[in-house]
Amino acid sequence: MLKSLQKITLLNGVSATGAGSSFSVERAKGWTFAIASTSVTTGATVDVEAYIGGAFRVIHSQAVTADGNVVIRDDHGHYEKLRGNVSARTDGTYSVFITGTTDSL
């Protein structure tokens, strides 16, 4: 059986601090987050935030200190909204991609 996936780009080539747009994800769970970084010397902190209890809260915080990709799996959360946030940055460019499954809903 093929899986139904929801794929979203939370941040795309961001080179400044701040949160990106939020996306409704109520129909999916079983998330995989991928943080891609380029032109990193010192780095940044990149957060994935979920809308829980009327506010955005960090569900994963990643210190990025080199070019490359970091993949994070979240099997527990079923969220209303998700967004990416570069909460601290000295250099580099960052993207956050997420994929969740809608099969079990």
N, C-alpha and C. Protein backbone atom coordinates (compact mmCIF):
# COMPACT_ATOMS: atom_id res chain seq x y z
N MET A 1 0.84 -1.18 0.00
CA MET A 1 0.00 0.00 0.00
C MET A 1 0.88 1.25 0.00
N LEU A 2 0.58 2.17 -0.87
CA LEU A 2 1.32 3.42 -0.92
C LEU A 2 0.92 4.33 0.22
N LYS A 3 1.88 5.05 0.75
CA LYS A 3 1.62 6.00 1.83
C LYS A 3 1.22 7.34 1.25
N SER A 4 0.28 8.00 1.92
CA SER A 4 -0.09 9.37 1.57
C SER A 4 0.76 10.31 2.42
N LEU A 5 1.51 11.20 1.77
CA LEU A 5 2.43 12.07 2.47
C LEU A 5 2.04 13.53 2.31
N GLN A 6 2.29 14.29 3.37
CA GLN A 6 2.16 15.74 3.31
C GLN A 6 3.58 16.29 3.36
N LYS A 7 3.99 17.03 2.32
CA LYS A 7 5.34 17.58 2.22
C LYS A 7 5.27 19.10 2.22
N ILE A 8 6.08 19.73 3.10
CA ILE A 8 6.03 21.19 3.25
C ILE A 8 7.46 21.72 3.40
N THR A 9 7.72 22.88 2.81
CA THR A 9 8.96 23.60 3.03
C THR A 9 8.67 24.69 4.06
N LEU A 10 9.24 24.55 5.26
CA LEU A 10 9.01 25.54 6.33
C LEU A 10 9.90 26.76 6.16
N LEU A 11 11.16 26.56 5.80
CA LEU A 11 12.09 27.65 5.53
C LEU A 11 12.84 27.30 4.25
N ASN A 12 13.09 28.31 3.42
CA ASN A 12 13.76 28.06 2.14
C ASN A 12 14.87 29.08 1.91
N GLY A 13 16.11 28.69 2.14
CA GLY A 13 17.25 29.57 1.89
C GLY A 13 17.29 30.80 2.77
N VAL A 14 16.99 30.65 4.05
CA VAL A 14 16.92 31.78 4.98
C VAL A 14 18.32 32.14 5.46
N SER A 15 18.64 33.42 5.44
CA SER A 15 19.94 33.90 5.92
C SER A 15 19.79 35.02 6.94
N ALA A 16 18.74 34.93 7.76
CA ALA A 16 18.49 35.90 8.83
C ALA A 16 17.72 35.18 9.94
N THR A 17 17.71 35.77 11.13
CA THR A 17 16.93 35.18 12.21
C THR A 17 15.45 35.48 12.01
N GLY A 18 14.61 34.66 12.64
CA GLY A 18 13.18 34.88 12.60
C GLY A 18 12.42 33.64 12.18
N ALA A 19 11.13 33.66 12.51
CA ALA A 19 10.24 32.53 12.21
C ALA A 19 9.67 32.66 10.80
N GLY A 20 9.48 31.52 10.17
CA GLY A 20 8.82 31.48 8.87
C GLY A 20 7.31 31.40 9.06
N SER A 21 6.61 31.27 7.97
CA SER A 21 5.15 31.12 8.01
C SER A 21 4.78 29.79 8.65
N SER A 22 3.61 29.76 9.27
CA SER A 22 3.12 28.50 9.84
C SER A 22 2.25 27.79 8.81
N PHE A 23 2.20 26.46 8.94
CA PHE A 23 1.42 25.64 8.02
C PHE A 23 0.52 24.71 8.82
N SER A 24 -0.72 24.57 8.39
CA SER A 24 -1.67 23.66 9.02
C SER A 24 -1.27 22.23 8.72
N VAL A 25 -1.15 21.43 9.76
CA VAL A 25 -0.72 20.03 9.60
C VAL A 25 -1.62 19.08 10.39
N GLU A 26 -2.85 19.48 10.62
CA GLU A 26 -3.77 18.69 11.44
C GLU A 26 -4.05 17.30 10.89
N ARG A 27 -3.90 17.12 9.59
CA ARG A 27 -4.24 15.85 8.96
C ARG A 27 -3.06 14.90 8.82
N ALA A 28 -1.94 15.19 9.46
CA ALA A 28 -0.77 14.33 9.33
C ALA A 28 -0.06 14.16 10.67
N LYS A 29 0.73 13.11 10.75
CA LYS A 29 1.60 12.87 11.90
C LYS A 29 2.75 11.99 11.43
N GLY A 30 3.61 11.55 12.35
CA GLY A 30 4.77 10.76 11.95
C GLY A 30 5.73 11.59 11.13
N TRP A 31 6.20 12.69 11.70
CA TRP A 31 6.96 13.70 10.96
C TRP A 31 8.43 13.36 10.82
N THR A 32 8.99 13.72 9.68
CA THR A 32 10.43 13.74 9.46
C THR A 32 10.80 15.18 9.12
N PHE A 33 11.75 15.75 9.87
CA PHE A 33 12.22 17.11 9.64
C PHE A 33 13.63 17.03 9.05
N ALA A 34 13.90 17.77 8.00
CA ALA A 34 15.25 17.84 7.43
C ALA A 34 15.70 19.29 7.43
N ILE A 35 16.84 19.54 8.06
CA ILE A 35 17.43 20.88 8.10
C ILE A 35 18.65 20.86 7.18
N ALA A 36 18.64 21.71 6.17
CA ALA A 36 19.75 21.80 5.21
C ALA A 36 20.48 23.12 5.44
N SER A 37 21.81 23.07 5.44
CA SER A 37 22.60 24.28 5.69
C SER A 37 23.74 24.40 4.68
N THR A 38 24.01 25.64 4.27
CA THR A 38 25.13 25.94 3.37
C THR A 38 25.84 27.20 3.85
N SER A 39 27.08 27.38 3.42
CA SER A 39 27.90 28.56 3.73
C SER A 39 28.04 28.79 5.23
N VAL A 40 28.17 27.70 5.99
CA VAL A 40 28.27 27.79 7.45
C VAL A 40 29.73 27.77 7.88
N THR A 41 30.11 28.76 8.69
CA THR A 41 31.41 28.77 9.35
C THR A 41 31.21 28.60 10.85
N THR A 42 30.39 29.45 11.44
CA THR A 42 30.08 29.39 12.86
C THR A 42 28.71 28.78 13.10
N GLY A 43 27.70 29.21 12.34
CA GLY A 43 26.42 28.52 12.37
C GLY A 43 25.25 29.27 12.94
N ALA A 44 24.27 28.45 13.38
CA ALA A 44 22.99 28.99 13.83
C ALA A 44 22.27 27.95 14.69
N THR A 45 21.19 28.39 15.29
CA THR A 45 20.26 27.48 15.94
C THR A 45 18.97 27.52 15.14
N VAL A 46 18.54 26.36 14.68
CA VAL A 46 17.33 26.25 13.88
C VAL A 46 16.32 25.43 14.67
N ASP A 47 15.13 25.99 14.86
CA ASP A 47 14.08 25.33 15.64
C ASP A 47 12.92 24.91 14.75
N VAL A 48 12.30 23.80 15.12
CA VAL A 48 11.00 23.43 14.58
C VAL A 48 10.02 23.69 15.71
N GLU A 49 8.97 24.47 15.42
CA GLU A 49 8.01 24.87 16.44
C GLU A 49 6.62 24.39 16.08
N ALA A 50 5.88 23.98 17.11
CA ALA A 50 4.50 23.54 16.94
C ALA A 50 3.57 24.45 17.73
N TYR A 51 2.39 24.65 17.18
CA TYR A 51 1.36 25.46 17.85
C TYR A 51 0.65 24.55 18.84
N ILE A 52 0.92 24.77 20.13
CA ILE A 52 0.38 23.94 21.21
C ILE A 52 -0.10 24.87 22.31
N GLY A 53 -1.32 24.70 22.78
CA GLY A 53 -1.82 25.49 23.89
C GLY A 53 -1.88 26.97 23.62
N GLY A 54 -2.18 27.35 22.38
CA GLY A 54 -2.36 28.75 22.04
C GLY A 54 -1.09 29.52 21.73
N ALA A 55 0.05 28.82 21.63
CA ALA A 55 1.32 29.50 21.32
C ALA A 55 2.25 28.54 20.58
N PHE A 56 3.23 29.11 19.88
CA PHE A 56 4.25 28.27 19.25
C PHE A 56 5.29 27.89 20.28
N ARG A 57 5.63 26.60 20.31
CA ARG A 57 6.60 26.06 21.26
C ARG A 57 7.62 25.22 20.49
N VAL A 58 8.87 25.29 20.93
CA VAL A 58 9.93 24.54 20.27
C VAL A 58 9.76 23.05 20.56
N ILE A 59 9.67 22.25 19.50
CA ILE A 59 9.62 20.79 19.67
C ILE A 59 10.95 20.15 19.30
N HIS A 60 11.79 20.88 18.56
CA HIS A 60 13.16 20.43 18.29
C HIS A 60 14.03 21.66 18.03
N SER A 61 15.18 21.70 18.71
CA SER A 61 16.14 22.77 18.51
C SER A 61 17.46 22.14 18.06
N GLN A 62 18.01 22.64 16.96
CA GLN A 62 19.22 22.05 16.39
C GLN A 62 20.31 23.11 16.25
N ALA A 63 21.44 22.89 16.92
CA ALA A 63 22.62 23.73 16.72
C ALA A 63 23.31 23.24 15.45
N VAL A 64 23.48 24.13 14.49
CA VAL A 64 24.09 23.78 13.21
C VAL A 64 25.45 24.48 13.14
N THR A 65 26.52 23.71 12.95
CA THR A 65 27.87 24.28 12.96
C THR A 65 28.67 23.95 11.70
N ALA A 66 28.03 23.32 10.71
CA ALA A 66 28.72 22.97 9.46
C ALA A 66 27.71 22.83 8.34
N ASP A 67 28.19 22.90 7.11
CA ASP A 67 27.33 22.64 5.95
C ASP A 67 26.83 21.20 6.01
N GLY A 68 25.63 20.97 5.50
CA GLY A 68 25.13 19.61 5.42
C GLY A 68 23.66 19.52 5.72
N ASN A 69 23.25 18.31 6.10
CA ASN A 69 21.84 18.02 6.38
C ASN A 69 21.72 17.29 7.71
N VAL A 70 20.69 17.63 8.45
CA VAL A 70 20.34 16.93 9.68
C VAL A 70 18.90 16.46 9.52
N VAL A 71 18.66 15.18 9.82
CA VAL A 71 17.31 14.63 9.71
C VAL A 71 16.85 14.21 11.10
N ILE A 72 15.64 14.64 11.46
CA ILE A 72 15.06 14.37 12.77
C ILE A 72 13.72 13.68 12.57
N ARG A 73 13.44 12.66 13.36
CA ARG A 73 12.18 11.93 13.28
C ARG A 73 11.34 12.26 14.51
N ASP A 74 10.05 12.52 14.32
CA ASP A 74 9.11 12.80 15.41
C ASP A 74 7.89 11.90 15.23
N ASP A 75 7.87 10.78 15.95
CA ASP A 75 6.77 9.83 15.84
C ASP A 75 5.64 10.12 16.82
N HIS A 76 5.83 11.06 17.72
CA HIS A 76 4.89 11.25 18.82
C HIS A 76 3.88 12.37 18.60
N GLY A 77 4.27 13.40 17.88
CA GLY A 77 3.43 14.59 17.79
C GLY A 77 2.33 14.52 16.75
N HIS A 78 1.21 15.07 17.11
CA HIS A 78 0.09 15.31 16.19
C HIS A 78 -0.27 16.77 16.43
N TYR A 79 0.12 17.62 15.50
CA TYR A 79 0.11 19.06 15.73
C TYR A 79 -0.93 19.78 14.88
N GLU A 80 -1.33 20.96 15.35
CA GLU A 80 -2.24 21.81 14.58
C GLU A 80 -1.48 22.57 13.49
N LYS A 81 -0.35 23.19 13.89
CA LYS A 81 0.47 23.96 12.95
C LYS A 81 1.94 23.72 13.26
N LEU A 82 2.79 23.83 12.23
CA LEU A 82 4.24 23.76 12.39
C LEU A 82 4.87 24.94 11.67
N ARG A 83 6.05 25.37 12.15
CA ARG A 83 6.82 26.40 11.46
C ARG A 83 8.30 26.21 11.80
N GLY A 84 9.15 26.78 10.96
CA GLY A 84 10.59 26.80 11.22
C GLY A 84 11.00 28.16 11.75
N ASN A 85 12.09 28.18 12.52
CA ASN A 85 12.56 29.44 13.10
C ASN A 85 14.08 29.38 13.23
N VAL A 86 14.77 30.35 12.65
CA VAL A 86 16.20 30.52 12.91
C VAL A 86 16.27 31.44 14.12
N SER A 87 16.50 30.84 15.31
CA SER A 87 16.41 31.62 16.55
C SER A 87 17.70 32.34 16.90
N ALA A 88 18.83 31.88 16.35
CA ALA A 88 20.12 32.56 16.53
C ALA A 88 20.96 32.24 15.30
N ARG A 89 21.76 33.23 14.84
CA ARG A 89 22.53 33.02 13.62
C ARG A 89 23.73 33.95 13.57
N THR A 90 24.88 33.39 13.18
CA THR A 90 26.04 34.23 12.89
C THR A 90 26.37 34.20 11.40
N ASP A 91 26.13 33.07 10.73
CA ASP A 91 26.35 32.97 9.29
C ASP A 91 25.60 31.75 8.75
N GLY A 92 25.63 31.59 7.45
CA GLY A 92 25.01 30.43 6.82
C GLY A 92 23.61 30.70 6.30
N THR A 93 23.15 29.75 5.48
CA THR A 93 21.82 29.78 4.89
C THR A 93 21.12 28.47 5.23
N TYR A 94 19.83 28.55 5.59
CA TYR A 94 19.13 27.40 6.16
C TYR A 94 17.78 27.17 5.51
N SER A 95 17.46 25.88 5.33
CA SER A 95 16.15 25.46 4.84
C SER A 95 15.65 24.35 5.75
N VAL A 96 14.33 24.29 5.93
CA VAL A 96 13.72 23.22 6.71
C VAL A 96 12.59 22.62 5.89
N PHE A 97 12.68 21.30 5.69
CA PHE A 97 11.67 20.56 4.94
C PHE A 97 11.04 19.53 5.87
N ILE A 98 9.73 19.33 5.76
CA ILE A 98 9.06 18.36 6.61
C ILE A 98 8.17 17.45 5.77
N THR A 99 8.03 16.21 6.23
CA THR A 99 7.15 15.24 5.59
C THR A 99 6.43 14.48 6.69
N GLY A 100 5.11 14.37 6.58
CA GLY A 100 4.30 13.60 7.52
C GLY A 100 3.37 12.68 6.76
N THR A 101 2.89 11.66 7.45
CA THR A 101 1.99 10.71 6.81
C THR A 101 0.55 10.98 7.23
N THR A 102 -0.37 10.78 6.30
CA THR A 102 -1.80 10.94 6.59
C THR A 102 -2.50 9.59 6.61
N ASP A 103 -1.77 8.49 6.52
CA ASP A 103 -2.36 7.15 6.41
C ASP A 103 -3.23 6.74 7.59
N SER A 104 -2.79 7.06 8.80
CA SER A 104 -3.47 6.53 9.98
C SER A 104 -4.56 7.44 10.52
N LEU A 105 -4.87 8.53 9.82
CA LEU A 105 -5.85 9.48 10.34
C LEU A 105 -7.22 9.24 9.77
